[in-house]
Amino acid sequence: MNGQNGAKIKIIYLDDETMLLEVLGELLREKGFEVTTHFDSQSALQEMNSKPNYYDVALIDFHLPNTTGAQVLRTMADNHFFGIPFVALYSASNQSEIDEAFERLDLSKYKIPRIMKDGQNLCELPSLLRKEGDAWNQK
């Protein structure tokens, strides 16, 4: 998948589930994406701060230790990292939690795709990123 100027789409992926981080990161790499993974929110935020305008999309897990994906997104918005598209990853059990957090943190106005972390949806993630990537590149 190509980003600007024909380069690979660059993804920063934050998740505290190490097995999923490795498996999904590898799946995306095999599908032609460039993926940088992070286990904790602080390192991911530092990475984005040190490389402004580098990443094309951010995959953020909703449940993280000591914070939530919504709080990470709010921090990113507050620090003007919100120029890149986001995909929020979540489990079925916390859909209402996500809705409440997005409302509380004033993130509902952003069109953030949400992907449930189950086998079928995660397997379809590369296709979603291609489809969304084409739309993002046209903006």
C-alpha atoms as a PDB file:
ATOM      1  CA  MET A   1       0.000   0.000   0.000  1.00  0.00           C
ATOM      2  CA  ASN A   2       1.369   3.347  -0.936  1.00  0.00           C
ATOM      3  CA  GLY A   3       1.196   6.644   0.896  1.00  0.00           C
ATOM      4  CA  GLN A   4       2.425   9.979  -0.274  1.00  0.00           C
ATOM      5  CA  ASN A   5       4.820   9.903  -3.229  1.00  0.00           C
ATOM      6  CA  GLY A   6       4.338   6.142  -3.707  1.00  0.00           C
ATOM      7  CA  ALA A   7       5.994   5.227  -0.376  1.00  0.00           C
ATOM      8  CA  LYS A   8       4.604   2.496   1.883  1.00  0.00           C
ATOM      9  CA  ILE A   9       1.849   3.582   4.250  1.00  0.00           C
ATOM     10  CA  LYS A  10       3.506   4.099   7.638  1.00  0.00           C
ATOM     11  CA  ILE A  11       1.530   2.906  10.653  1.00  0.00           C
ATOM     12  CA  ILE A  12       2.203   3.478  14.326  1.00  0.00           C
ATOM     13  CA  TYR A  13       0.443   0.768  16.327  1.00  0.00           C
ATOM     14  CA  LEU A  14      -0.100   0.969  20.100  1.00  0.00           C
ATOM     15  CA  ASP A  15      -1.384  -2.055  22.028  1.00  0.00           C
ATOM     16  CA  ASP A  16      -0.578  -3.548  25.434  1.00  0.00           C
ATOM     17  CA  GLU A  17      -1.331  -7.114  24.269  1.00  0.00           C
ATOM     18  CA  THR A  18       2.122  -8.196  23.134  1.00  0.00           C
ATOM     19  CA  MET A  19       0.940 -11.264  21.223  1.00  0.00           C
ATOM     20  CA  LEU A  20      -1.581  -9.231  19.228  1.00  0.00           C
ATOM     21  CA  LEU A  21       0.969  -6.473  18.745  1.00  0.00           C
ATOM     22  CA  GLU A  22       3.380  -8.961  17.179  1.00  0.00           C
ATOM     23  CA  VAL A  23       0.815 -10.907  15.121  1.00  0.00           C
ATOM     24  CA  LEU A  24      -1.108  -7.929  13.747  1.00  0.00           C
ATOM     25  CA  GLY A  25       2.103  -5.972  13.180  1.00  0.00           C
ATOM     26  CA  GLU A  26       3.506  -8.868  11.137  1.00  0.00           C
ATOM     27  CA  LEU A  27       0.236  -9.341   9.211  1.00  0.00           C
ATOM     28  CA  LEU A  28       0.268  -5.679   8.210  1.00  0.00           C
ATOM     29  CA  ARG A  29       3.947  -5.858   7.203  1.00  0.00           C
ATOM     30  CA  GLU A  30       3.191  -8.899   5.029  1.00  0.00           C
ATOM     31  CA  LYS A  31       0.424  -6.875   3.366  1.00  0.00           C
ATOM     32  CA  GLY A  32       2.900  -4.143   2.433  1.00  0.00           C
ATOM     33  CA  PHE A  33       2.559  -1.652   5.283  1.00  0.00           C
ATOM     34  CA  GLU A  34       5.455  -0.190   7.253  1.00  0.00           C
ATOM     35  CA  VAL A  35       4.591  -0.744  10.929  1.00  0.00           C
ATOM     36  CA  THR A  36       6.168   0.607  14.110  1.00  0.00           C
ATOM     37  CA  THR A  37       4.782  -1.004  17.261  1.00  0.00           C
ATOM     38  CA  HIS A  38       4.638   0.315  20.810  1.00  0.00           C
ATOM     39  CA  PHE A  39       3.603  -1.417  24.007  1.00  0.00           C
ATOM     40  CA  ASP A  40       3.011   1.739  26.052  1.00  0.00           C
ATOM     41  CA  SER A  41       1.406   5.093  25.316  1.00  0.00           C
ATOM     42  CA  GLN A  42       4.303   7.263  26.451  1.00  0.00           C
ATOM     43  CA  SER A  43       6.762   5.698  24.010  1.00  0.00           C
ATOM     44  CA  ALA A  44       4.230   5.976  21.166  1.00  0.00           C
ATOM     45  CA  LEU A  45       3.589   9.657  21.939  1.00  0.00           C
ATOM     46  CA  GLN A  46       7.331  10.340  22.153  1.00  0.00           C
ATOM     47  CA  GLU A  47       7.821   8.600  18.805  1.00  0.00           C
ATOM     48  CA  MET A  48       5.143  10.732  17.128  1.00  0.00           C
ATOM     49  CA  ASN A  49       6.555  13.868  18.728  1.00  0.00           C
ATOM     50  CA  SER A  50      10.058  13.053  17.479  1.00  0.00           C
ATOM     51  CA  LYS A  51       8.803  12.317  13.950  1.00  0.00           C
ATOM     52  CA  PRO A  52       6.111  14.865  13.129  1.00  0.00           C
ATOM     53  CA  ASN A  53       4.310  14.169   9.845  1.00  0.00           C
ATOM     54  CA  TYR A  54       6.049  10.787   9.504  1.00  0.00           C
ATOM     55  CA  TYR A  55       3.151   8.391  10.142  1.00  0.00           C
ATOM     56  CA  ASP A  56       0.176   8.042   7.807  1.00  0.00           C
ATOM     57  CA  VAL A  57      -2.148   6.315  10.299  1.00  0.00           C
ATOM     58  CA  ALA A  58      -2.267   5.385  13.986  1.00  0.00           C
ATOM     59  CA  LEU A  59      -3.818   2.174  15.314  1.00  0.00           C
ATOM     60  CA  ILE A  60      -4.641   2.701  18.980  1.00  0.00           C
ATOM     61  CA  ASP A  61      -5.943   0.034  21.358  1.00  0.00           C
ATOM     62  CA  PHE A  62      -8.712   1.405  23.570  1.00  0.00           C
ATOM     63  CA  HIS A  63      -7.676  -0.394  26.780  1.00  0.00           C
ATOM     64  CA  LEU A  64      -4.146   0.404  27.865  1.00  0.00           C
ATOM     65  CA  PRO A  65      -2.444   0.240  31.260  1.00  0.00           C
ATOM     66  CA  ASN A  66      -2.669   3.534  33.178  1.00  0.00           C
ATOM     67  CA  THR A  67      -4.702   5.242  30.423  1.00  0.00           C
ATOM     68  CA  THR A  68      -7.218   4.636  27.651  1.00  0.00           C
ATOM     69  CA  GLY A  69      -6.922   4.862  23.903  1.00  0.00           C
ATOM     70  CA  ALA A  70      -9.349   7.788  24.036  1.00  0.00           C
ATOM     71  CA  GLN A  71      -7.021   9.663  26.412  1.00  0.00           C
ATOM     72  CA  VAL A  72      -4.094   8.982  24.067  1.00  0.00           C
ATOM     73  CA  LEU A  73      -6.154  10.387  21.179  1.00  0.00           C
ATOM     74  CA  ARG A  74      -7.064  13.445  23.288  1.00  0.00           C
ATOM     75  CA  THR A  75      -3.364  14.013  24.102  1.00  0.00           C
ATOM     76  CA  MET A  76      -2.535  13.687  20.436  1.00  0.00           C
ATOM     77  CA  ALA A  77      -5.254  16.187  19.521  1.00  0.00           C
ATOM     78  CA  ASP A  78      -4.041  18.605  22.200  1.00  0.00           C
ATOM     79  CA  ASN A  79      -0.499  18.346  20.840  1.00  0.00           C
ATOM     80  CA  HIS A  80      -1.568  18.789  17.224  1.00  0.00           C
ATOM     81  CA  PHE A  81      -0.652  15.218  16.239  1.00  0.00           C
ATOM     82  CA  PHE A  82      -4.219  14.866  15.029  1.00  0.00           C
ATOM     83  CA  GLY A  83      -3.260  15.480  11.414  1.00  0.00           C
ATOM     84  CA  ILE A  84      -2.980  11.727  10.893  1.00  0.00           C
ATOM     85  CA  PRO A  85      -5.970   9.374  10.701  1.00  0.00           C
ATOM     86  CA  PHE A  86      -6.699   7.000  13.568  1.00  0.00           C
ATOM     87  CA  VAL A  87      -8.270   3.601  13.932  1.00  0.00           C
ATOM     88  CA  ALA A  88      -9.424   2.669  17.447  1.00  0.00           C
ATOM     89  CA  LEU A  89      -9.183  -1.024  18.349  1.00  0.00           C
ATOM     90  CA  TYR A  90     -11.528  -2.401  21.025  1.00  0.00           C
ATOM     91  CA  SER A  91     -13.107  -5.564  22.394  1.00  0.00           C
ATOM     92  CA  ALA A  92     -16.853  -6.148  22.211  1.00  0.00           C
ATOM     93  CA  SER A  93     -17.200  -5.771  25.966  1.00  0.00           C
ATOM     94  CA  ASN A  94     -16.249  -2.093  26.005  1.00  0.00           C
ATOM     95  CA  GLN A  95     -18.254  -0.538  23.140  1.00  0.00           C
ATOM     96  CA  SER A  96     -20.341   1.645  25.494  1.00  0.00           C
ATOM     97  CA  GLU A  97     -17.177   2.642  27.380  1.00  0.00           C
ATOM     98  CA  ILE A  98     -15.664   3.868  24.119  1.00  0.00           C
ATOM     99  CA  ASP A  99     -18.761   5.879  23.242  1.00  0.00           C
ATOM    100  CA  GLU A 100     -18.783   7.531  26.681  1.00  0.00           C
ATOM    101  CA  ALA A 101     -15.057   8.278  26.602  1.00  0.00           C
ATOM    102  CA  PHE A 102     -15.235   9.779  23.126  1.00  0.00           C
ATOM    103  CA  GLU A 103     -18.117  12.028  24.228  1.00  0.00           C
ATOM    104  CA  ARG A 104     -16.422  13.034  27.506  1.00  0.00           C
ATOM    105  CA  LEU A 105     -13.107  13.829  25.804  1.00  0.00           C
ATOM    106  CA  ASP A 106     -14.797  15.656  22.899  1.00  0.00           C
ATOM    107  CA  LEU A 107     -13.508  13.181  20.309  1.00  0.00           C
ATOM    108  CA  SER A 108     -16.894  12.322  18.773  1.00  0.00           C
ATOM    109  CA  LYS A 109     -16.538  15.054  16.168  1.00  0.00           C
ATOM    110  CA  TYR A 110     -13.631  13.154  14.608  1.00  0.00           C
ATOM    111  CA  LYS A 111     -14.496  10.368  12.190  1.00  0.00           C
ATOM    112  CA  ILE A 112     -12.422   7.661  13.843  1.00  0.00           C
ATOM    113  CA  PRO A 113     -13.005   4.147  12.507  1.00  0.00           C
ATOM    114  CA  ARG A 114     -13.433   1.604  15.290  1.00  0.00           C
ATOM    115  CA  ILE A 115     -12.460  -2.027  14.777  1.00  0.00           C
ATOM    116  CA  MET A 116     -13.485  -4.779  17.180  1.00  0.00           C
ATOM    117  CA  LYS A 117     -10.514  -6.957  18.124  1.00  0.00           C
ATOM    118  CA  ASP A 118     -11.762 -10.301  16.929  1.00  0.00           C
ATOM    119  CA  GLY A 119     -10.350 -12.625  14.300  1.00  0.00           C
ATOM    120  CA  GLN A 120     -12.558 -11.627  11.383  1.00  0.00           C
ATOM    121  CA  ASN A 121     -12.305  -7.875  11.869  1.00  0.00           C
ATOM    122  CA  LEU A 122      -8.553  -7.933  12.378  1.00  0.00           C
ATOM    123  CA  CYS A 123      -8.109 -10.012   9.221  1.00  0.00           C
ATOM    124  CA  GLU A 124     -10.110  -7.373   7.351  1.00  0.00           C
ATOM    125  CA  LEU A 125      -8.008  -4.518   8.772  1.00  0.00           C
ATOM    126  CA  PRO A 126      -5.562  -4.383   5.818  1.00  0.00           C
ATOM    127  CA  SER A 127      -8.509  -3.962   3.426  1.00  0.00           C
ATOM    128  CA  LEU A 128     -10.002  -1.230   5.604  1.00  0.00           C
ATOM    129  CA  LEU A 129      -6.674   0.569   5.715  1.00  0.00           C
ATOM    130  CA  ARG A 130      -6.361   0.365   1.931  1.00  0.00           C
ATOM    131  CA  LYS A 131      -9.895   1.678   1.442  1.00  0.00           C
ATOM    132  CA  GLU A 132      -9.548   4.415   4.075  1.00  0.00           C
ATOM    133  CA  GLY A 133      -6.006   5.173   2.898  1.00  0.00           C
ATOM    134  CA  ASP A 134      -7.247   5.910  -0.592  1.00  0.00           C
ATOM    135  CA  ALA A 135      -9.790   8.349   0.876  1.00  0.00           C
ATOM    136  CA  TRP A 136      -7.183   9.912   3.208  1.00  0.00           C
ATOM    137  CA  ASN A 137      -4.751  10.398   0.317  1.00  0.00           C
ATOM    138  CA  GLN A 138      -7.384  12.254  -1.686  1.00  0.00           C
ATOM    139  CA  LYS A 139      -7.857  14.911   1.006  1.00  0.00           C
END
